[in-house]
C-alpha atoms as a PDB file:
ATOM      1  CA  UNK A   1      11.758  -4.578   6.566  1.00  0.00           C
ATOM      2  CA  UNK A   2      10.606  -1.866   8.837  1.00  0.00           C
ATOM      3  CA  UNK A   3      12.984   1.030   8.354  1.00  0.00           C
ATOM      4  CA  UNK A   4      12.231   4.195   6.261  1.00  0.00           C
ATOM      5  CA  UNK A   5      15.113   3.522   3.889  1.00  0.00           C
ATOM      6  CA  UNK A   6      13.642   0.245   2.790  1.00  0.00           C
ATOM      7  CA  UNK A   7      10.199   1.837   2.181  1.00  0.00           C
ATOM      8  CA  UNK A   8      11.847   4.524   0.209  1.00  0.00           C
ATOM      9  CA  UNK A   9      13.526   1.901  -1.959  1.00  0.00           C
ATOM     10  CA  UNK A  10      10.266  -0.002  -2.378  1.00  0.00           C
ATOM     11  CA  UNK A  11       8.473   3.262  -3.314  1.00  0.00           C
ATOM     12  CA  UNK A  12      11.188   3.988  -5.950  1.00  0.00           C
ATOM     13  CA  UNK A  13      10.993   0.483  -7.514  1.00  0.00           C
ATOM     14  CA  UNK A  14       7.091   0.661  -7.628  1.00  0.00           C
ATOM     15  CA  UNK A  15       7.436   4.077  -9.385  1.00  0.00           C
ATOM     16  CA  UNK A  16       9.813   2.659 -11.942  1.00  0.00           C
ATOM     17  CA  UNK A  17       7.460  -0.211 -12.445  1.00  0.00           C
ATOM     18  CA  UNK A  18       4.369   2.067 -12.707  1.00  0.00           C
ATOM     19  CA  UNK A  19       6.168   4.215 -15.316  1.00  0.00           C
ATOM     20  CA  UNK A  20       6.473   1.142 -17.570  1.00  0.00           C
ATOM     21  CA  UNK A  21       2.705   0.344 -17.488  1.00  0.00           C
ATOM     22  CA  UNK A  22       1.791   3.155 -19.792  1.00  0.00           C
ATOM     23  CA  UNK A  23      -0.576   4.720 -17.419  1.00  0.00           C
ATOM     24  CA  UNK A  24      -0.882   8.471 -17.350  1.00  0.00           C
ATOM     25  CA  UNK A  25       1.475  10.057 -15.016  1.00  0.00           C
ATOM     26  CA  UNK A  26      -1.212  11.324 -12.632  1.00  0.00           C
ATOM     27  CA  UNK A  27      -2.487   7.741 -12.275  1.00  0.00           C
ATOM     28  CA  UNK A  28       1.005   6.389 -11.755  1.00  0.00           C
ATOM     29  CA  UNK A  29       1.405   8.869  -8.888  1.00  0.00           C
ATOM     30  CA  UNK A  30      -1.941   7.608  -7.384  1.00  0.00           C
ATOM     31  CA  UNK A  31      -0.661   4.035  -7.634  1.00  0.00           C
ATOM     32  CA  UNK A  32       2.608   4.915  -5.877  1.00  0.00           C
ATOM     33  CA  UNK A  33       1.054   7.010  -3.227  1.00  0.00           C
ATOM     34  CA  UNK A  34      -1.653   4.579  -2.302  1.00  0.00           C
ATOM     35  CA  UNK A  35       0.905   1.773  -2.114  1.00  0.00           C
ATOM     36  CA  UNK A  36       3.338   3.688  -0.130  1.00  0.00           C
ATOM     37  CA  UNK A  37       0.560   4.511   2.418  1.00  0.00           C
ATOM     38  CA  UNK A  38      -0.206   0.686   2.721  1.00  0.00           C
ATOM     39  CA  UNK A  39       3.451  -0.011   3.170  1.00  0.00           C
ATOM     40  CA  UNK A  40       4.009   2.769   5.674  1.00  0.00           C
ATOM     41  CA  UNK A  41       0.890   1.438   7.680  1.00  0.00           C
ATOM     42  CA  UNK A  42       2.461  -2.028   7.776  1.00  0.00           C
ATOM     43  CA  UNK A  43       5.863  -0.839   8.787  1.00  0.00           C
ATOM     44  CA  UNK A  44       4.439   1.436  11.499  1.00  0.00           C
ATOM     45  CA  UNK A  45       1.463  -0.454  12.940  1.00  0.00           C
ATOM     46  CA  UNK A  46       1.948  -4.012  12.383  1.00  0.00           C
ATOM     47  CA  UNK A  47       5.068  -4.697  14.486  1.00  0.00           C
ATOM     48  CA  UNK A  48       6.087  -3.654  17.992  1.00  0.00           C
ATOM     49  CA  UNK A  49       7.889  -0.193  18.058  1.00  0.00           C
ATOM     50  CA  UNK A  50      11.495  -0.577  16.922  1.00  0.00           C
ATOM     51  CA  UNK A  51      11.159  -4.351  15.882  1.00  0.00           C
ATOM     52  CA  UNK A  52      10.038  -4.148  12.257  1.00  0.00           C
ATOM     53  CA  UNK A  53       9.136  -7.174  10.172  1.00  0.00           C
ATOM     54  CA  UNK A  54       8.507  -8.334   6.619  1.00  0.00           C
ATOM     55  CA  UNK A  55       6.405  -6.305   4.237  1.00  0.00           C
ATOM     56  CA  UNK A  56       5.726  -7.808   0.785  1.00  0.00           C
ATOM     57  CA  UNK A  57       4.582  -5.835  -2.119  1.00  0.00           C
ATOM     58  CA  UNK A  58       3.197  -7.439  -5.320  1.00  0.00           C
ATOM     59  CA  UNK A  59       2.029  -5.357  -8.328  1.00  0.00           C
ATOM     60  CA  UNK A  60       0.334  -6.690 -11.469  1.00  0.00           C
ATOM     61  CA  UNK A  61      -0.922  -4.857 -14.539  1.00  0.00           C
ATOM     62  CA  UNK A  62      -3.376  -6.789 -16.529  1.00  0.00           C
ATOM     63  CA  UNK A  63      -5.535  -5.935 -19.616  1.00  0.00           C
ATOM     64  CA  UNK A  64      -8.336  -4.393 -17.449  1.00  0.00           C
ATOM     65  CA  UNK A  65      -6.846  -3.752 -13.954  1.00  0.00           C
ATOM     66  CA  UNK A  66      -3.829  -2.781 -12.138  1.00  0.00           C
ATOM     67  CA  UNK A  67      -3.414  -4.333  -8.754  1.00  0.00           C
ATOM     68  CA  UNK A  68      -1.052  -3.739  -5.901  1.00  0.00           C
ATOM     69  CA  UNK A  69      -1.037  -6.070  -2.746  1.00  0.00           C
ATOM     70  CA  UNK A  70       0.759  -5.184   0.524  1.00  0.00           C
ATOM     71  CA  UNK A  71       1.127  -7.966   3.002  1.00  0.00           C
ATOM     72  CA  UNK A  72       2.674  -8.000   6.423  1.00  0.00           C
ATOM     73  CA  UNK A  73       3.131 -10.680   9.122  1.00  0.00           C
ATOM     74  CA  UNK A  74       2.283  -8.459  12.154  1.00  0.00           C
ATOM     75  CA  UNK A  75      -0.656  -7.943  14.316  1.00  0.00           C
ATOM     76  CA  UNK A  76      -3.656  -5.682  13.450  1.00  0.00           C
ATOM     77  CA  UNK A  77      -4.098  -2.893  16.006  1.00  0.00           C
ATOM     78  CA  UNK A  78      -7.494  -1.059  15.998  1.00  0.00           C
ATOM     79  CA  UNK A  79      -6.877   2.657  15.355  1.00  0.00           C
ATOM     80  CA  UNK A  80      -7.343   4.864  18.332  1.00  0.00           C
ATOM     81  CA  UNK A  81     -10.614   6.733  17.969  1.00  0.00           C
ATOM     82  CA  UNK A  82      -9.174   9.662  19.972  1.00  0.00           C
ATOM     83  CA  UNK A  83      -6.226  10.118  17.674  1.00  0.00           C
ATOM     84  CA  UNK A  84      -7.136  13.056  15.448  1.00  0.00           C
ATOM     85  CA  UNK A  85      -3.813  13.876  13.820  1.00  0.00           C
ATOM     86  CA  UNK A  86      -3.353  10.428  12.324  1.00  0.00           C
ATOM     87  CA  UNK A  87      -5.271   7.621  10.736  1.00  0.00           C
ATOM     88  CA  UNK A  88      -5.580   9.195   7.238  1.00  0.00           C
ATOM     89  CA  UNK A  89      -3.875   6.491   5.264  1.00  0.00           C
ATOM     90  CA  UNK A  90      -6.624   4.062   4.622  1.00  0.00           C
ATOM     91  CA  UNK A  91      -9.152   6.874   3.654  1.00  0.00           C
ATOM     92  CA  UNK A  92      -6.407   8.400   1.343  1.00  0.00           C
ATOM     93  CA  UNK A  93      -5.983   4.908  -0.251  1.00  0.00           C
ATOM     94  CA  UNK A  94      -9.754   4.842  -0.880  1.00  0.00           C
ATOM     95  CA  UNK A  95      -9.624   8.136  -2.665  1.00  0.00           C
ATOM     96  CA  UNK A  96      -6.773   7.374  -4.788  1.00  0.00           C
ATOM     97  CA  UNK A  97      -7.722   3.857  -5.854  1.00  0.00           C
ATOM     98  CA  UNK A  98     -10.842   2.584  -7.737  1.00  0.00           C
ATOM     99  CA  UNK A  99     -11.253  -0.177  -5.077  1.00  0.00           C
ATOM    100  CA  UNK A 100      -9.282  -1.355  -1.900  1.00  0.00           C
ATOM    101  CA  UNK A 101      -9.877  -4.056   0.692  1.00  0.00           C
ATOM    102  CA  UNK A 102      -8.113  -4.914   3.783  1.00  0.00           C
ATOM    103  CA  UNK A 103      -7.960  -8.433   5.222  1.00  0.00           C
ATOM    104  CA  UNK A 104      -6.907  -9.113   8.826  1.00  0.00           C
ATOM    105  CA  UNK A 105      -5.503 -12.537   9.628  1.00  0.00           C
ATOM    106  CA  UNK A 106      -3.930 -14.151  12.638  1.00  0.00           C
ATOM    107  CA  UNK A 107      -0.697 -14.084  10.756  1.00  0.00           C
ATOM    108  CA  UNK A 108      -0.825 -10.585   9.368  1.00  0.00           C
ATOM    109  CA  UNK A 109      -2.777  -8.147   7.318  1.00  0.00           C
ATOM    110  CA  UNK A 110      -3.183  -7.851   3.436  1.00  0.00           C
ATOM    111  CA  UNK A 111      -4.295  -4.587   1.719  1.00  0.00           C
ATOM    112  CA  UNK A 112      -5.366  -5.085  -1.835  1.00  0.00           C
ATOM    113  CA  UNK A 113      -5.541  -1.894  -3.978  1.00  0.00           C
ATOM    114  CA  UNK A 114      -6.879  -1.849  -7.579  1.00  0.00           C
ATOM    115  CA  UNK A 115      -7.356   0.656 -10.440  1.00  0.00           C
ATOM    116  CA  UNK A 116      -9.506  -0.038 -13.589  1.00  0.00           C
ATOM    117  CA  UNK A 117      -7.711   0.511 -16.856  1.00  0.00           C
ATOM    118  CA  UNK A 118      -9.329   2.246 -19.663  1.00  0.00           C
ATOM    119  CA  UNK A 119      -9.531   0.307 -22.935  1.00  0.00           C
ATOM    120  CA  UNK A 120      -6.802   1.152 -25.402  1.00  0.00           C
END
């Protein structure tokens, strides 16, 4: 999965799922945008140009927390410090979510994004 069409489909599926969680619409949009940033980063940076590869997205909504996990099987590439027009995805995720973490492994990268849920 490395093409834009597949990412758009994943984004739409996640938006439909988020709509069913009962979260306020603005919070739903935060979830979808942050997850999409993680998916786009995987598709664009994890695999050699033009090759693509798998990106797995898992979303869970519990009583206290909503979590989205995006995992790829590619190779982590350290961002170019001289690139000034790009590299805003991870900071954006940090602003949109209550917590996020990125784990780099030999066999891929996992981004975990979470939001605290207000008591009902």
